[in-house]
PDB file of N, CA and C in Angstrom:
ATOM      1  N   UNK A   1       0.842  -1.181   0.000  1.00  0.00           N
ATOM      2  CA  UNK A   1       0.000   0.000   0.000  1.00  0.00           C
ATOM      3  C   UNK A   1       0.878   1.232   0.000  1.00  0.00           C
ATOM      4  N   UNK A   2       0.490   2.191  -0.784  1.00  0.00           N
ATOM      5  CA  UNK A   2       1.194   3.462  -0.771  1.00  0.00           C
ATOM      6  C   UNK A   2       0.620   4.325   0.342  1.00  0.00           C
ATOM      7  N   UNK A   3       1.473   4.779   1.223  1.00  0.00           N
ATOM      8  CA  UNK A   3       1.022   5.636   2.309  1.00  0.00           C
ATOM      9  C   UNK A   3       1.092   7.107   1.915  1.00  0.00           C
ATOM     10  N   UNK A   4       1.418   7.381   0.643  1.00  0.00           N
ATOM     11  CA  UNK A   4       1.549   8.749   0.160  1.00  0.00           C
ATOM     12  C   UNK A   4       0.191   9.294  -0.274  1.00  0.00           C
ATOM     13  N   UNK A   5      -0.774   9.200   0.632  1.00  0.00           N
ATOM     14  CA  UNK A   5      -2.102   9.733   0.369  1.00  0.00           C
ATOM     15  C   UNK A   5      -2.809   9.914   1.695  1.00  0.00           C
ATOM     16  N   UNK A   6      -3.881  10.671   1.658  1.00  0.00           N
ATOM     17  CA  UNK A   6      -4.673  10.841   2.865  1.00  0.00           C
ATOM     18  C   UNK A   6      -5.411   9.537   3.153  1.00  0.00           C
ATOM     19  N   UNK A   7      -5.386   9.118   4.394  1.00  0.00           N
ATOM     20  CA  UNK A   7      -6.079   7.903   4.796  1.00  0.00           C
ATOM     21  C   UNK A   7      -7.550   8.223   5.071  1.00  0.00           C
ATOM     22  N   UNK A   8      -8.343   7.208   5.276  1.00  0.00           N
ATOM     23  CA  UNK A   8      -9.781   7.361   5.505  1.00  0.00           C
ATOM     24  C   UNK A   8     -10.059   8.321   6.660  1.00  0.00           C
ATOM     25  N   UNK A   9     -11.034   9.197   6.488  1.00  0.00           N
ATOM     26  CA  UNK A   9     -11.387  10.087   7.605  1.00  0.00           C
ATOM     27  C   UNK A   9     -11.969   9.328   8.798  1.00  0.00           C
ATOM     28  N   UNK A  10     -12.391   8.088   8.598  1.00  0.00           N
ATOM     29  CA  UNK A  10     -12.908   7.274   9.700  1.00  0.00           C
ATOM     30  C   UNK A  10     -11.787   6.809  10.627  1.00  0.00           C
ATOM     31  N   UNK A  11     -10.548   6.836  10.158  1.00  0.00           N
ATOM     32  CA  UNK A  11      -9.397   6.423  10.964  1.00  0.00           C
ATOM     33  C   UNK A  11      -9.067   7.525  11.963  1.00  0.00           C
ATOM     34  N   UNK A  12      -9.044   7.164  13.241  1.00  0.00           N
ATOM     35  CA  UNK A  12      -8.815   8.152  14.299  1.00  0.00           C
ATOM     36  C   UNK A  12      -7.423   8.097  14.906  1.00  0.00           C
ATOM     37  N   UNK A  13      -6.773   6.913  14.871  1.00  0.00           N
ATOM     38  CA  UNK A  13      -5.478   6.779  15.535  1.00  0.00           C
ATOM     39  C   UNK A  13      -4.787   5.518  15.051  1.00  0.00           C
ATOM     40  N   UNK A  14      -3.455   5.582  14.962  1.00  0.00           N
ATOM     41  CA  UNK A  14      -2.625   4.416  14.678  1.00  0.00           C
ATOM     42  C   UNK A  14      -1.656   4.273  15.841  1.00  0.00           C
ATOM     43  N   UNK A  15      -1.581   3.055  16.413  1.00  0.00           N
ATOM     44  CA  UNK A  15      -0.627   2.768  17.488  1.00  0.00           C
ATOM     45  C   UNK A  15       0.271   1.623  17.054  1.00  0.00           C
ATOM     46  N   UNK A  16       1.570   1.847  17.127  1.00  0.00           N
ATOM     47  CA  UNK A  16       2.555   0.824  16.782  1.00  0.00           C
ATOM     48  C   UNK A  16       3.254   0.414  18.067  1.00  0.00           C
ATOM     49  N   UNK A  17       3.151  -0.865  18.405  1.00  0.00           N
ATOM     50  CA  UNK A  17       3.794  -1.397  19.607  1.00  0.00           C
ATOM     51  C   UNK A  17       4.903  -2.333  19.175  1.00  0.00           C
ATOM     52  N   UNK A  18       6.066  -2.195  19.793  1.00  0.00           N
ATOM     53  CA  UNK A  18       7.185  -3.077  19.466  1.00  0.00           C
ATOM     54  C   UNK A  18       8.186  -3.090  20.617  1.00  0.00           C
ATOM     55  N   UNK A  19       9.083  -4.038  20.560  1.00  0.00           N
ATOM     56  CA  UNK A  19      10.140  -4.179  21.555  1.00  0.00           C
ATOM     57  C   UNK A  19      11.398  -3.486  21.035  1.00  0.00           C
ATOM     58  N   UNK A  20      12.113  -2.790  21.911  1.00  0.00           N
ATOM     59  CA  UNK A  20      13.346  -2.137  21.486  1.00  0.00           C
ATOM     60  C   UNK A  20      14.416  -3.135  21.090  1.00  0.00           C
ATOM     61  N   UNK A  21      14.433  -4.272  21.741  1.00  0.00           N
ATOM     62  CA  UNK A  21      15.538  -5.200  21.549  1.00  0.00           C
ATOM     63  C   UNK A  21      15.137  -6.573  21.044  1.00  0.00           C
ATOM     64  N   UNK A  22      13.877  -6.919  21.086  1.00  0.00           N
ATOM     65  CA  UNK A  22      13.450  -8.259  20.695  1.00  0.00           C
ATOM     66  C   UNK A  22      13.564  -8.497  19.201  1.00  0.00           C
ATOM     67  N   UNK A  23      14.057  -9.653  18.794  1.00  0.00           N
ATOM     68  CA  UNK A  23      14.198  -9.950  17.367  1.00  0.00           C
ATOM     69  C   UNK A  23      12.867 -10.061  16.650  1.00  0.00           C
ATOM     70  N   UNK A  24      11.771 -10.356  17.359  1.00  0.00           N
ATOM     71  CA  UNK A  24      10.466 -10.486  16.727  1.00  0.00           C
ATOM     72  C   UNK A  24       9.958  -9.141  16.211  1.00  0.00           C
ATOM     73  N   UNK A  25      10.458  -8.032  16.747  1.00  0.00           N
ATOM     74  CA  UNK A  25      10.022  -6.706  16.331  1.00  0.00           C
ATOM     75  C   UNK A  25      10.955  -6.069  15.307  1.00  0.00           C
ATOM     76  N   UNK A  26      11.895  -6.813  14.770  1.00  0.00           N
ATOM     77  CA  UNK A  26      12.917  -6.240  13.891  1.00  0.00           C
ATOM     78  C   UNK A  26      12.336  -5.540  12.673  1.00  0.00           C
ATOM     79  N   UNK A  27      11.252  -6.031  12.119  1.00  0.00           N
ATOM     80  CA  UNK A  27      10.680  -5.413  10.925  1.00  0.00           C
ATOM     81  C   UNK A  27      10.013  -4.084  11.177  1.00  0.00           C
ATOM     82  N   UNK A  28       9.841  -3.719  12.439  1.00  0.00           N
ATOM     83  CA  UNK A  28       9.172  -2.461  12.744  1.00  0.00           C
ATOM     84  C   UNK A  28      10.121  -1.325  13.079  1.00  0.00           C
ATOM     85  N   UNK A  29      11.424  -1.597  13.220  1.00  0.00           N
ATOM     86  CA  UNK A  29      12.342  -0.533  13.641  1.00  0.00           C
ATOM     87  C   UNK A  29      13.642  -0.578  12.848  1.00  0.00           C
ATOM     88  N   UNK A  30      14.473   0.431  12.993  1.00  0.00           N
ATOM     89  CA  UNK A  30      15.701   0.502  12.199  1.00  0.00           C
ATOM     90  C   UNK A  30      16.656  -0.653  12.459  1.00  0.00           C
ATOM     91  N   UNK A  31      17.326  -1.099  11.435  1.00  0.00           N
ATOM     92  CA  UNK A  31      18.257  -2.224  11.556  1.00  0.00           C
ATOM     93  C   UNK A  31      19.642  -1.790  12.003  1.00  0.00           C
ATOM     94  N   UNK A  32      19.839  -0.527  12.245  1.00  0.00           N
ATOM     95  CA  UNK A  32      21.145  -0.028  12.675  1.00  0.00           C
ATOM     96  C   UNK A  32      21.579  -0.724  13.963  1.00  0.00           C
ATOM     97  N   UNK A  33      20.618  -1.163  14.764  1.00  0.00           N
ATOM     98  CA  UNK A  33      20.916  -1.792  16.039  1.00  0.00           C
ATOM     99  C   UNK A  33      21.390  -3.225  15.880  1.00  0.00           C
ATOM    100  N   UNK A  34      21.313  -3.781  14.686  1.00  0.00           N
ATOM    101  CA  UNK A  34      21.562  -5.201  14.494  1.00  0.00           C
ATOM    102  C   UNK A  34      22.730  -5.443  13.556  1.00  0.00           C
ATOM    103  N   UNK A  35      23.386  -6.559  13.746  1.00  0.00           N
ATOM    104  CA  UNK A  35      24.481  -6.927  12.858  1.00  0.00           C
ATOM    105  C   UNK A  35      24.016  -7.880  11.771  1.00  0.00           C
ATOM    106  N   UNK A  36      22.761  -8.274  11.769  1.00  0.00           N
ATOM    107  CA  UNK A  36      22.225  -9.212  10.792  1.00  0.00           C
ATOM    108  C   UNK A  36      22.037  -8.495   9.449  1.00  0.00           C
ATOM    109  N   UNK A  37      22.784  -8.858   8.412  1.00  0.00           N
ATOM    110  CA  UNK A  37      22.687  -8.158   7.131  1.00  0.00           C
ATOM    111  C   UNK A  37      21.402  -8.454   6.378  1.00  0.00           C
ATOM    112  N   UNK A  38      20.638  -9.475   6.771  1.00  0.00           N
ATOM    113  CA  UNK A  38      19.408  -9.781   6.055  1.00  0.00           C
ATOM    114  C   UNK A  38      18.270  -8.864   6.446  1.00  0.00           C
ATOM    115  N   UNK A  39      18.412  -8.166   7.559  1.00  0.00           N
ATOM    116  CA  UNK A  39      17.365  -7.248   7.979  1.00  0.00           C
ATOM    117  C   UNK A  39      17.540  -5.948   7.203  1.00  0.00           C
ATOM    118  N   UNK A  40      16.483  -5.527   6.559  1.00  0.00           N
ATOM    119  CA  UNK A  40      16.522  -4.318   5.747  1.00  0.00           C
ATOM    120  C   UNK A  40      16.895  -3.111   6.599  1.00  0.00           C
ATOM    121  N   UNK A  41      17.750  -2.241   6.046  1.00  0.00           N
ATOM    122  CA  UNK A  41      18.159  -1.047   6.787  1.00  0.00           C
ATOM    123  C   UNK A  41      17.075   0.023   6.766  1.00  0.00           C
ATOM    124  N   UNK A  42      16.122  -0.144   5.895  1.00  0.00           N
ATOM    125  CA  UNK A  42      15.051   0.840   5.805  1.00  0.00           C
ATOM    126  C   UNK A  42      13.774   0.214   6.340  1.00  0.00           C
ATOM    127  N   UNK A  43      13.500   0.437   7.573  1.00  0.00           N
ATOM    128  CA  UNK A  43      12.398  -0.234   8.237  1.00  0.00           C
ATOM    129  C   UNK A  43      11.134   0.613   8.212  1.00  0.00           C
ATOM    130  N   UNK A  44      10.037  -0.038   8.586  1.00  0.00           N
ATOM    131  CA  UNK A  44       8.723   0.576   8.457  1.00  0.00           C
ATOM    132  C   UNK A  44       8.589   1.912   9.177  1.00  0.00           C
ATOM    133  N   UNK A  45       8.938   1.976  10.445  1.00  0.00           N
ATOM    134  CA  UNK A  45       8.730   3.214  11.192  1.00  0.00           C
ATOM    135  C   UNK A  45       9.547   4.351  10.609  1.00  0.00           C
ATOM    136  N   UNK A  46      10.809   4.089  10.349  1.00  0.00           N
ATOM    137  CA  UNK A  46      11.693   5.131   9.845  1.00  0.00           C
ATOM    138  C   UNK A  46      11.255   5.613   8.467  1.00  0.00           C
ATOM    139  N   UNK A  47      10.815   4.698   7.620  1.00  0.00           N
ATOM    140  CA  UNK A  47      10.498   5.076   6.246  1.00  0.00           C
ATOM    141  C   UNK A  47       9.067   5.556   6.054  1.00  0.00           C
ATOM    142  N   UNK A  48       8.114   5.030   6.806  1.00  0.00           N
ATOM    143  CA  UNK A  48       6.708   5.350   6.539  1.00  0.00           C
ATOM    144  C   UNK A  48       6.101   6.391   7.462  1.00  0.00           C
ATOM    145  N   UNK A  49       6.624   6.537   8.665  1.00  0.00           N
ATOM    146  CA  UNK A  49       6.064   7.537   9.578  1.00  0.00           C
ATOM    147  C   UNK A  49       6.059   8.941   8.968  1.00  0.00           C
ATOM    148  N   UNK A  50       7.176   9.423   8.413  1.00  0.00           N
ATOM    149  CA  UNK A  50       7.149  10.777   7.842  1.00  0.00           C
ATOM    150  C   UNK A  50       6.141  10.929   6.701  1.00  0.00           C
ATOM    151  N   UNK A  51       5.991   9.893   5.893  1.00  0.00           N
ATOM    152  CA  UNK A  51       5.049   9.945   4.765  1.00  0.00           C
ATOM    153  C   UNK A  51       3.609   9.989   5.277  1.00  0.00           C
ATOM    154  N   UNK A  52       3.309   9.146   6.260  1.00  0.00           N
ATOM    155  CA  UNK A  52       1.957   9.140   6.819  1.00  0.00           C
ATOM    156  C   UNK A  52       1.631  10.491   7.438  1.00  0.00           C
ATOM    157  N   UNK A  53       2.566  11.050   8.212  1.00  0.00           N
ATOM    158  CA  UNK A  53       2.319  12.347   8.854  1.00  0.00           C
ATOM    159  C   UNK A  53       2.248  13.487   7.850  1.00  0.00           C
ATOM    160  N   UNK A  54       2.995  13.404   6.783  1.00  0.00           N
ATOM    161  CA  UNK A  54       2.954  14.454   5.761  1.00  0.00           C
ATOM    162  C   UNK A  54       1.571  14.543   5.119  1.00  0.00           C
ATOM    163  N   UNK A  55       0.967  13.393   4.868  1.00  0.00           N
ATOM    164  CA  UNK A  55      -0.331  13.368   4.192  1.00  0.00           C
ATOM    165  C   UNK A  55      -1.512  13.333   5.156  1.00  0.00           C
ATOM    166  N   UNK A  56      -1.251  13.115   6.430  1.00  0.00           N
ATOM    167  CA  UNK A  56      -2.292  13.055   7.461  1.00  0.00           C
ATOM    168  C   UNK A  56      -1.798  13.769   8.719  1.00  0.00           C
ATOM    169  N   UNK A  57      -1.573  15.079   8.644  1.00  0.00           N
ATOM    170  CA  UNK A  57      -0.920  15.784   9.753  1.00  0.00           C
ATOM    171  C   UNK A  57      -1.699  15.770  11.068  1.00  0.00           C
ATOM    172  N   UNK A  58      -3.008  15.616  11.019  1.00  0.00           N
ATOM    173  CA  UNK A  58      -3.805  15.633  12.243  1.00  0.00           C
ATOM    174  C   UNK A  58      -4.073  14.252  12.813  1.00  0.00           C
ATOM    175  N   UNK A  59      -3.606  13.208  12.140  1.00  0.00           N
ATOM    176  CA  UNK A  59      -3.825  11.835  12.594  1.00  0.00           C
ATOM    177  C   UNK A  59      -2.764  11.465  13.634  1.00  0.00           C
ATOM    178  N   UNK A  60      -3.183  11.083  14.837  1.00  0.00           N
ATOM    179  CA  UNK A  60      -2.193  10.638  15.827  1.00  0.00           C
ATOM    180  C   UNK A  60      -1.577   9.295  15.409  1.00  0.00           C
ATOM    181  N   UNK A  61      -0.260   9.257  15.325  1.00  0.00           N
ATOM    182  CA  UNK A  61       0.480   8.024  15.046  1.00  0.00           C
ATOM    183  C   UNK A  61       1.416   7.823  16.228  1.00  0.00           C
ATOM    184  N   UNK A  62       1.078   6.867  17.081  1.00  0.00           N
ATOM    185  CA  UNK A  62       1.810   6.653  18.321  1.00  0.00           C
ATOM    186  C   UNK A  62       2.736   5.458  18.182  1.00  0.00           C
ATOM    187  N   UNK A  63       3.976   5.621  18.586  1.00  0.00           N
ATOM    188  CA  UNK A  63       4.955   4.534  18.571  1.00  0.00           C
ATOM    189  C   UNK A  63       5.303   4.245  20.024  1.00  0.00           C
ATOM    190  N   UNK A  64       5.007   3.026  20.455  1.00  0.00           N
ATOM    191  CA  UNK A  64       5.260   2.627  21.839  1.00  0.00           C
ATOM    192  C   UNK A  64       6.240   1.468  21.853  1.00  0.00           C
ATOM    193  N   UNK A  65       7.375   1.660  22.509  1.00  0.00           N
ATOM    194  CA  UNK A  65       8.390   0.617  22.626  1.00  0.00           C
ATOM    195  C   UNK A  65       8.499   0.191  24.081  1.00  0.00           C
ATOM    196  N   UNK A  66       8.514  -1.112  24.291  1.00  0.00           N
ATOM    197  CA  UNK A  66       8.700  -1.660  25.633  1.00  0.00           C
ATOM    198  C   UNK A  66       9.334  -3.039  25.492  1.00  0.00           C
ATOM    199  N   UNK A  67      10.241  -3.339  26.367  1.00  0.00           N
ATOM    200  CA  UNK A  67      10.951  -4.622  26.304  1.00  0.00           C
ATOM    201  C   UNK A  67       9.967  -5.782  26.405  1.00  0.00           C
ATOM    202  N   UNK A  68      10.109  -6.725  25.488  1.00  0.00           N
ATOM    203  CA  UNK A  68       9.282  -7.925  25.506  1.00  0.00           C
ATOM    204  C   UNK A  68       7.903  -7.778  24.899  1.00  0.00           C
ATOM    205  N   UNK A  69       7.564  -6.605  24.414  1.00  0.00           N
ATOM    206  CA  UNK A  69       6.247  -6.390  23.817  1.00  0.00           C
ATOM    207  C   UNK A  69       6.182  -7.029  22.437  1.00  0.00           C
ATOM    208  N   UNK A  70       5.136  -7.797  22.154  1.00  0.00           N
ATOM    209  CA  UNK A  70       4.996  -8.348  20.804  1.00  0.00           C
ATOM    210  C   UNK A  70       4.732  -7.217  19.806  1.00  0.00           C
ATOM    211  N   UNK A  71       5.292  -7.332  18.619  1.00  0.00           N
ATOM    212  CA  UNK A  71       5.105  -6.300  17.602  1.00  0.00           C
ATOM    213  C   UNK A  71       3.695  -6.397  17.043  1.00  0.00           C
ATOM    214  N   UNK A  72       2.990  -5.267  17.075  1.00  0.00           N
ATOM    215  CA  UNK A  72       1.651  -5.210  16.503  1.00  0.00           C
ATOM    216  C   UNK A  72       1.251  -3.769  16.253  1.00  0.00           C
ATOM    217  N   UNK A  73       0.256  -3.597  15.406  1.00  0.00           N
ATOM    218  CA  UNK A  73      -0.262  -2.266  15.084  1.00  0.00           C
ATOM    219  C   UNK A  73      -1.760  -2.271  15.329  1.00  0.00           C
ATOM    220  N   UNK A  74      -2.222  -1.228  16.004  1.00  0.00           N
ATOM    221  CA  UNK A  74      -3.643  -1.041  16.258  1.00  0.00           C
ATOM    222  C   UNK A  74      -4.126   0.147  15.436  1.00  0.00           C
ATOM    223  N   UNK A  75      -5.320   0.043  14.904  1.00  0.00           N
ATOM    224  CA  UNK A  75      -5.963   1.155  14.222  1.00  0.00           C
ATOM    225  C   UNK A  75      -7.311   1.375  14.899  1.00  0.00           C
ATOM    226  N   UNK A  76      -7.537   2.608  15.342  1.00  0.00           N
ATOM    227  CA  UNK A  76      -8.829   2.948  15.956  1.00  0.00           C
ATOM    228  C   UNK A  76      -9.621   3.768  14.956  1.00  0.00           C
ATOM    229  N   UNK A  77     -10.842   3.334  14.714  1.00  0.00           N
ATOM    230  CA  UNK A  77     -11.720   3.992  13.754  1.00  0.00           C
ATOM    231  C   UNK A  77     -12.835   4.702  14.505  1.00  0.00           C
ATOM    232  N   UNK A  78     -13.671   5.410  13.771  1.00  0.00           N
ATOM    233  CA  UNK A  78     -14.769   6.115  14.415  1.00  0.00           C
ATOM    234  C   UNK A  78     -15.698   5.128  15.112  1.00  0.00           C
ATOM    235  N   UNK A  79     -16.435   5.643  16.077  1.00  0.00           N
ATOM    236  CA  UNK A  79     -17.361   4.864  16.905  1.00  0.00           C
ATOM    237  C   UNK A  79     -16.654   3.803  17.747  1.00  0.00           C
ATOM    238  N   UNK A  80     -15.377   3.996  18.026  1.00  0.00           N
ATOM    239  CA  UNK A  80     -14.650   3.116  18.931  1.00  0.00           C
ATOM    240  C   UNK A  80     -14.241   1.773  18.371  1.00  0.00           C
ATOM    241  N   UNK A  81     -14.396   1.567  17.077  1.00  0.00           N
ATOM    242  CA  UNK A  81     -14.000   0.297  16.461  1.00  0.00           C
ATOM    243  C   UNK A  81     -12.475   0.249  16.411  1.00  0.00           C
ATOM    244  N   UNK A  82     -11.909  -0.824  16.947  1.00  0.00           N
ATOM    245  CA  UNK A  82     -10.454  -0.969  16.973  1.00  0.00           C
ATOM    246  C   UNK A  82     -10.072  -2.321  16.369  1.00  0.00           C
ATOM    247  N   UNK A  83      -9.091  -2.288  15.464  1.00  0.00           N
ATOM    248  CA  UNK A  83      -8.589  -3.502  14.825  1.00  0.00           C
ATOM    249  C   UNK A  83      -7.083  -3.528  14.999  1.00  0.00           C
ATOM    250  N   UNK A  84      -6.507  -4.734  14.934  1.00  0.00           N
ATOM    251  CA  UNK A  84      -5.047  -4.825  15.043  1.00  0.00           C
ATOM    252  C   UNK A  84      -4.523  -5.989  14.226  1.00  0.00           C
ATOM    253  N   UNK A  85      -3.218  -5.925  13.923  1.00  0.00           N
ATOM    254  CA  UNK A  85      -2.520  -7.017  13.245  1.00  0.00           C
ATOM    255  C   UNK A  85      -1.251  -7.326  14.021  1.00  0.00           C
ATOM    256  N   UNK A  86      -0.892  -8.600  14.050  1.00  0.00           N
ATOM    257  CA  UNK A  86       0.337  -9.054  14.694  1.00  0.00           C
ATOM    258  C   UNK A  86       1.479  -8.965  13.684  1.00  0.00           C
ATOM    259  N   UNK A  87       2.630  -8.472  14.127  1.00  0.00           N
ATOM    260  CA  UNK A  87       3.759  -8.252  13.221  1.00  0.00           C
ATOM    261  C   UNK A  87       5.021  -9.001  13.646  1.00  0.00           C
ATOM    262  N   UNK A  88       4.917  -9.896  14.607  1.00  0.00           N
ATOM    263  CA  UNK A  88       6.090 -10.627  15.085  1.00  0.00           C
ATOM    264  C   UNK A  88       6.781 -11.384  13.955  1.00  0.00           C
ATOM    265  N   UNK A  89       8.091 -11.245  13.892  1.00  0.00           N
ATOM    266  CA  UNK A  89       8.958 -11.983  12.961  1.00  0.00           C
ATOM    267  C   UNK A  89       8.669 -11.705  11.490  1.00  0.00           C
ATOM    268  N   UNK A  90       8.178 -10.512  11.166  1.00  0.00           N
ATOM    269  CA  UNK A  90       7.935 -10.147   9.773  1.00  0.00           C
ATOM    270  C   UNK A  90       9.015  -9.194   9.289  1.00  0.00           C
ATOM    271  N   UNK A  91       9.284  -9.234   8.001  1.00  0.00           N
ATOM    272  CA  UNK A  91      10.234  -8.284   7.404  1.00  0.00           C
ATOM    273  C   UNK A  91       9.546  -6.924   7.259  1.00  0.00           C
ATOM    274  N   UNK A  92      10.299  -5.901   6.932  1.00  0.00           N
ATOM    275  CA  UNK A  92       9.744  -4.562   6.767  1.00  0.00           C
ATOM    276  C   UNK A  92       8.699  -4.546   5.649  1.00  0.00           C
ATOM    277  N   UNK A  93       8.935  -5.277   4.566  1.00  0.00           N
ATOM    278  CA  UNK A  93       7.973  -5.327   3.460  1.00  0.00           C
ATOM    279  C   UNK A  93       6.675  -6.002   3.895  1.00  0.00           C
ATOM    280  N   UNK A  94       6.801  -7.068   4.676  1.00  0.00           N
ATOM    281  CA  UNK A  94       5.605  -7.752   5.172  1.00  0.00           C
ATOM    282  C   UNK A  94       4.844  -6.870   6.162  1.00  0.00           C
ATOM    283  N   UNK A  95       5.584  -6.132   6.988  1.00  0.00           N
ATOM    284  CA  UNK A  95       4.951  -5.201   7.925  1.00  0.00           C
ATOM    285  C   UNK A  95       4.158  -4.163   7.151  1.00  0.00           C
ATOM    286  N   UNK A  96       4.757  -3.611   6.102  1.00  0.00           N
ATOM    287  CA  UNK A  96       4.072  -2.604   5.295  1.00  0.00           C
ATOM    288  C   UNK A  96       2.791  -3.163   4.678  1.00  0.00           C
ATOM    289  N   UNK A  97       2.855  -4.387   4.174  1.00  0.00           N
ATOM    290  CA  UNK A  97       1.676  -5.010   3.567  1.00  0.00           C
ATOM    291  C   UNK A  97       0.563  -5.230   4.599  1.00  0.00           C
ATOM    292  N   UNK A  98       0.928  -5.735   5.784  1.00  0.00           N
ATOM    293  CA  UNK A  98      -0.064  -5.987   6.824  1.00  0.00           C
ATOM    294  C   UNK A  98      -0.697  -4.698   7.314  1.00  0.00           C
ATOM    295  N   UNK A  99       0.113  -3.648   7.518  1.00  0.00           N
ATOM    296  CA  UNK A  99      -0.421  -2.372   7.976  1.00  0.00           C
ATOM    297  C   UNK A  99      -1.316  -1.772   6.896  1.00  0.00           C
ATOM    298  N   UNK A 100      -0.919  -1.896   5.640  1.00  0.00           N
ATOM    299  CA  UNK A 100      -1.747  -1.422   4.540  1.00  0.00           C
ATOM    300  C   UNK A 100      -3.104  -2.093   4.521  1.00  0.00           C
ATOM    301  N   UNK A 101      -3.140  -3.397   4.740  1.00  0.00           N
ATOM    302  CA  UNK A 101      -4.406  -4.137   4.792  1.00  0.00           C
ATOM    303  C   UNK A 101      -5.253  -3.645   5.967  1.00  0.00           C
ATOM    304  N   UNK A 102      -4.620  -3.431   7.110  1.00  0.00           N
ATOM    305  CA  UNK A 102      -5.336  -2.975   8.291  1.00  0.00           C
ATOM    306  C   UNK A 102      -5.970  -1.605   8.052  1.00  0.00           C
ATOM    307  N   UNK A 103      -5.194  -0.693   7.490  1.00  0.00           N
ATOM    308  CA  UNK A 103      -5.695   0.678   7.332  1.00  0.00           C
ATOM    309  C   UNK A 103      -6.709   0.803   6.203  1.00  0.00           C
ATOM    310  N   UNK A 104      -6.712  -0.119   5.279  1.00  0.00           N
ATOM    311  CA  UNK A 104      -7.681  -0.047   4.185  1.00  0.00           C
ATOM    312  C   UNK A 104      -8.976  -0.781   4.526  1.00  0.00           C
ATOM    313  N   UNK A 105      -9.026  -1.451   5.672  1.00  0.00           N
ATOM    314  CA  UNK A 105     -10.245  -2.182   6.031  1.00  0.00           C
ATOM    315  C   UNK A 105     -11.280  -1.266   6.672  1.00  0.00           C
TER     316      UNK A 105
END
């Protein structure tokens, strides 16, 4: 999904939860912290957050890091509807695809 557009007005908030150090959250954060060359250096948060905020400046996009937290993204829509996807052990491309599916639903 291209995040270079305004998202649905029904979307009220995006929350990204991940672990600072856990390998299961690697696809959600920069690979600078890791010596594994297979992990993409351009990760979802670093690459997509600025684009999402540029096209949706009033949309809250919260990034919460805590040790041991499973990687997942929550989307809150109007009328209190909340959906989420699990992102543990996914690459940055897979994370982008899953988040795109979540936000387009």
